[in-house]
Amino acid sequence: TFPRNKKELWNYLRIVLGFRLPYTNCNMPWDEEEMTDPMTVFSEAFFERSFCTVIVGASETGKTRWASLLHSTNSEHKPGCLTTHVGAIRQQAQYCFDYLKGYVVDGCVGVEEKNALQSRTTWNNGSIVQILTAGKVGVSGAHPQKACGDEVEWWDWKGLQQFLGCPVPDRERRIKPQMFFLSTRQEHSGTMNRLVQEAPKRGYELRMWGIFEQMEPCQTCRCK
């Protein structure tokens, strides 16, 4: 059944896909910007509450995993949904494809196909997730409903501009167009920091999470 709220969505991820997304934000005194827990951002994305979301996450905090869970959940619950995920390099794109393969269970996912140029996962309900590598050539011609740029810190700015025109609505199926940009910020003059600075002017939502949003209680001892 289609999840109707954040709690039902969290339970779907836990029961069907086997992942418990962090549900609580941890704003520390030294944080210069407000943090948001990954589950809240996931819920905003799945229920299509914004056109574009820029997500800044610390290294090793599961940004690509988060994206793969969103792609799988959208594809399962929105028949005919087309998603394009673009990684900064081929290896980054491969991570997302491997994650998607891990969600394949009877009754949920149809056929997976892969060739040297791109990866594609096809659902029985007509949904498709296409995974590409960044570049003006790589993103040209892609017009999905959901477009996700992974580790855009390492993207060329011109390639990013090409990507902005990718998503289009599917009015017949009532699927809204959305863009997501996920990355760390490595350099002050880097692509991600420039995108963060321009986000308010462009009307993009800005969300951030760090290592504390990803931590969970120790399961083997009674730490205080």
Protein backbone atom coordinates (compact mmCIF):
# COMPACT_ATOMS: atom_id res chain seq x y z
CA THR A 1 0.00 0.00 0.00
CA PHE A 2 1.04 3.60 -0.61
CA PRO A 3 2.60 5.13 2.55
CA ARG A 4 0.36 7.93 3.76
CA ASN A 5 2.71 9.69 6.16
CA LYS A 6 6.27 9.83 7.46
CA LYS A 7 5.78 7.02 9.98
CA GLU A 8 4.31 4.61 7.44
CA LEU A 9 7.13 5.50 5.05
CA TRP A 10 9.75 4.77 7.73
CA ASN A 11 8.11 1.43 8.45
CA TYR A 12 8.12 0.56 4.74
CA LEU A 13 11.86 1.20 4.58
CA ARG A 14 12.42 -0.84 7.74
CA ILE A 15 10.21 -3.84 6.90
CA VAL A 16 10.50 -4.12 3.12
CA LEU A 17 13.94 -2.74 2.34
CA GLY A 18 15.59 -3.45 5.69
CA PHE A 19 16.85 0.04 6.53
CA ARG A 20 16.08 2.34 9.44
CA LEU A 21 16.75 5.90 8.35
CA PRO A 22 17.77 8.26 11.20
CA TYR A 23 14.72 10.07 12.49
CA THR A 24 16.19 12.79 14.73
CA ASN A 25 18.34 15.81 13.97
CA CYS A 26 21.21 16.79 16.29
CA ASN A 27 21.99 20.49 16.14
CA MET A 28 25.26 20.99 18.01
CA PRO A 29 26.40 24.32 19.53
CA TRP A 30 29.17 24.59 16.93
CA ASP A 31 26.89 24.02 13.93
CA GLU A 32 26.72 27.17 11.85
CA GLU A 33 23.72 25.86 9.90
CA GLU A 34 20.61 23.95 10.91
CA MET A 35 20.79 20.19 10.52
CA THR A 36 17.94 17.96 9.29
CA ASP A 37 17.68 14.22 9.83
CA PRO A 38 17.76 12.01 6.69
CA MET A 39 14.27 10.60 7.30
CA THR A 40 12.68 14.04 7.27
CA VAL A 41 14.44 14.87 4.00
CA PHE A 42 13.36 11.50 2.61
CA SER A 43 9.75 12.15 3.54
CA GLU A 44 9.82 15.62 1.95
CA ALA A 45 11.24 14.09 -1.23
CA PHE A 46 8.86 11.12 -1.48
CA PHE A 47 5.75 13.23 -0.87
CA GLU A 48 7.00 15.73 -3.49
CA ARG A 49 6.97 18.80 -1.27
CA SER A 50 9.68 20.64 -3.21
CA PHE A 51 10.92 20.90 -6.78
CA CYS A 52 14.64 20.93 -5.98
CA THR A 53 16.54 19.96 -2.83
CA VAL A 54 20.25 20.54 -2.25
CA ILE A 55 21.57 18.09 0.34
CA VAL A 56 24.91 18.65 2.04
CA GLY A 57 26.16 15.63 3.97
CA ALA A 58 29.42 14.72 5.66
CA SER A 59 31.58 12.00 4.14
CA GLU A 60 30.47 8.43 4.83
CA THR A 61 26.97 9.46 5.97
CA GLY A 62 25.07 7.42 3.40
CA LYS A 63 24.12 9.99 0.77
CA THR A 64 24.21 7.53 -2.13
CA ARG A 65 22.42 4.91 -0.04
CA TRP A 66 19.75 7.50 0.78
CA ALA A 67 19.29 8.25 -2.90
CA SER A 68 19.03 4.57 -3.83
CA LEU A 69 16.34 4.03 -1.20
CA LEU A 70 14.40 7.00 -2.59
CA HIS A 71 14.70 5.71 -6.15
CA SER A 72 13.48 2.25 -5.14
CA THR A 73 10.57 3.61 -3.08
CA ASN A 74 9.46 6.04 -5.79
CA SER A 75 9.65 3.30 -8.42
CA GLU A 76 7.64 0.84 -6.36
CA HIS A 77 4.85 3.22 -5.34
CA LYS A 78 4.62 5.50 -8.39
CA PRO A 79 3.99 3.29 -11.46
CA GLY A 80 5.78 4.50 -14.56
CA CYS A 81 8.11 6.81 -12.63
CA LEU A 82 11.31 7.55 -14.53
CA THR A 83 14.43 8.36 -12.49
CA THR A 84 17.90 9.37 -13.64
CA HIS A 85 20.75 9.16 -11.15
CA VAL A 86 24.04 10.74 -12.24
CA GLY A 87 27.24 9.97 -10.35
CA ALA A 88 30.31 12.19 -10.46
CA ILE A 89 32.42 9.26 -11.68
CA ARG A 90 31.60 5.78 -12.91
CA GLN A 91 32.45 4.17 -9.56
CA GLN A 92 30.07 6.50 -7.75
CA ALA A 93 27.31 5.58 -10.17
CA GLN A 94 28.14 1.90 -9.70
CA TYR A 95 27.58 2.19 -5.95
CA CYS A 96 23.99 3.28 -6.52
CA PHE A 97 23.32 0.49 -9.01
CA ASP A 98 24.74 -2.10 -6.60
CA TYR A 99 22.53 -0.76 -3.81
CA LEU A 100 19.46 -1.04 -6.03
CA LYS A 101 20.32 -4.65 -6.88
CA GLY A 102 20.35 -5.40 -3.17
CA TYR A 103 16.69 -4.37 -2.86
CA VAL A 104 15.49 -6.90 -5.42
CA VAL A 105 12.87 -9.10 -3.72
CA ASP A 106 10.01 -11.16 -5.11
CA GLY A 107 7.03 -9.01 -5.98
CA CYS A 108 8.89 -5.71 -5.72
CA VAL A 109 11.34 -5.40 -8.59
CA GLY A 110 11.35 -6.67 -12.13
CA VAL A 111 14.41 -6.84 -14.37
CA GLU A 112 17.88 -5.36 -13.99
CA GLU A 113 19.93 -4.59 -17.08
CA LYS A 114 23.46 -3.26 -17.39
CA ASN A 115 25.87 -2.43 -20.18
CA ALA A 116 29.16 -0.57 -20.52
CA LEU A 117 27.52 2.84 -20.97
CA GLN A 118 24.86 2.88 -18.29
CA SER A 119 22.92 0.88 -15.74
CA ARG A 120 19.18 0.45 -15.67
CA THR A 121 16.73 -1.16 -13.30
CA THR A 122 13.19 -1.81 -14.52
CA TRP A 123 10.18 -2.43 -12.29
CA ASN A 124 7.19 -4.59 -13.21
CA ASN A 125 4.95 -1.51 -13.01
CA GLY A 126 6.89 0.31 -15.72
CA SER A 127 9.14 2.39 -13.48
CA ILE A 128 12.76 2.75 -14.56
CA VAL A 129 15.89 3.95 -12.77
CA GLN A 130 18.69 4.89 -15.14
CA ILE A 131 22.18 5.47 -13.72
CA LEU A 132 24.71 7.55 -15.66
CA THR A 133 28.06 9.26 -15.22
CA ALA A 134 28.26 13.07 -15.04
CA GLY A 135 29.03 15.17 -18.11
CA LYS A 136 27.17 17.30 -20.62
CA VAL A 137 26.97 14.37 -23.01
CA GLY A 138 25.91 11.97 -20.27
CA VAL A 139 22.91 14.01 -19.11
CA SER A 140 21.79 15.37 -22.47
CA GLY A 141 18.51 13.91 -23.65
CA ALA A 142 17.53 12.54 -20.24
CA HIS A 143 14.04 13.76 -19.28
CA PRO A 144 12.84 11.76 -16.26
CA GLN A 145 10.46 12.88 -13.54
CA LYS A 146 13.13 12.45 -10.86
CA ALA A 147 16.72 13.59 -11.45
CA CYS A 148 19.44 13.07 -8.85
CA GLY A 149 23.01 14.39 -8.99
CA ASP A 150 25.45 12.54 -6.73
CA GLU A 151 28.68 14.11 -5.38
CA VAL A 152 28.20 17.25 -7.46
CA GLU A 153 31.26 18.76 -5.77
CA TRP A 154 33.24 17.01 -8.48
CA TRP A 155 30.93 18.03 -11.34
CA ASP A 156 31.78 20.62 -13.93
CA TRP A 157 29.56 23.70 -13.44
CA LYS A 158 28.52 23.68 -17.12
CA GLY A 159 27.53 20.04 -16.84
CA LEU A 160 25.42 20.92 -13.81
CA GLN A 161 23.59 23.61 -15.80
CA GLN A 162 22.76 21.03 -18.45
CA PHE A 163 21.36 18.77 -15.73
CA LEU A 164 18.97 21.49 -14.48
CA GLY A 165 16.77 21.05 -17.53
CA CYS A 166 16.34 17.29 -17.10
CA PRO A 167 13.17 16.64 -15.07
CA VAL A 168 9.73 16.93 -16.63
CA PRO A 169 6.30 16.11 -15.16
CA ASP A 170 4.19 13.10 -16.07
CA ARG A 171 0.77 14.73 -15.94
CA GLU A 172 -1.08 11.58 -16.89
CA ARG A 173 0.32 9.69 -13.90
CA ARG A 174 0.45 12.83 -11.72
CA ILE A 175 4.15 12.48 -10.97
CA LYS A 176 5.82 15.81 -10.24
CA PRO A 177 9.30 16.70 -11.55
CA GLN A 178 12.02 16.85 -8.90
CA MET A 179 15.77 17.38 -8.67
CA PHE A 180 18.13 16.34 -5.89
CA PHE A 181 21.76 17.31 -5.47
CA LEU A 182 23.83 15.42 -2.90
CA SER A 183 27.44 16.06 -1.95
CA THR A 184 30.04 17.03 0.57
CA ARG A 185 31.68 20.45 0.36
CA GLN A 186 35.41 20.09 -0.19
CA GLU A 187 36.39 23.52 -1.48
CA HIS A 188 35.11 27.04 -0.95
CA SER A 189 35.21 27.59 -4.69
CA GLY A 190 33.79 24.15 -5.47
CA THR A 191 30.62 23.36 -7.38
CA MET A 192 28.66 22.29 -4.31
CA ASN A 193 29.42 25.42 -2.31
CA ARG A 194 28.44 27.56 -5.28
CA LEU A 195 25.18 25.64 -5.57
CA VAL A 196 24.52 26.08 -1.84
CA GLN A 197 25.09 29.84 -2.10
CA GLU A 198 22.76 30.13 -5.09
CA ALA A 199 20.05 27.85 -3.68
CA PRO A 200 17.98 30.62 -1.98
CA LYS A 201 17.99 32.77 -5.13
CA ARG A 202 16.93 29.80 -7.26
CA GLY A 203 14.19 28.78 -4.82
CA TYR A 204 15.86 25.47 -3.93
CA GLU A 205 15.45 23.81 -0.55
CA LEU A 206 18.71 23.39 1.40
CA ARG A 207 19.09 20.45 3.78
CA MET A 208 22.14 19.33 5.76
CA TRP A 209 23.10 16.40 7.92
CA GLY A 210 26.31 15.33 9.66
CA ILE A 211 27.76 12.37 11.50
CA PHE A 212 25.59 12.87 14.58
CA GLU A 213 22.39 12.49 12.55
CA GLN A 214 23.67 9.06 11.45
CA MET A 215 24.64 7.65 14.85
CA GLU A 216 22.51 5.12 16.71
CA PRO A 217 22.61 3.76 20.30
CA CYS A 218 25.12 1.03 21.00
CA GLN A 219 23.38 -2.37 20.75
CA THR A 220 25.97 -4.36 22.74
CA CYS A 221 26.41 -2.40 25.97
CA ARG A 222 24.73 0.15 28.24
CA CYS A 223 26.74 3.23 27.32
CA LYS A 224 25.87 6.44 29.13
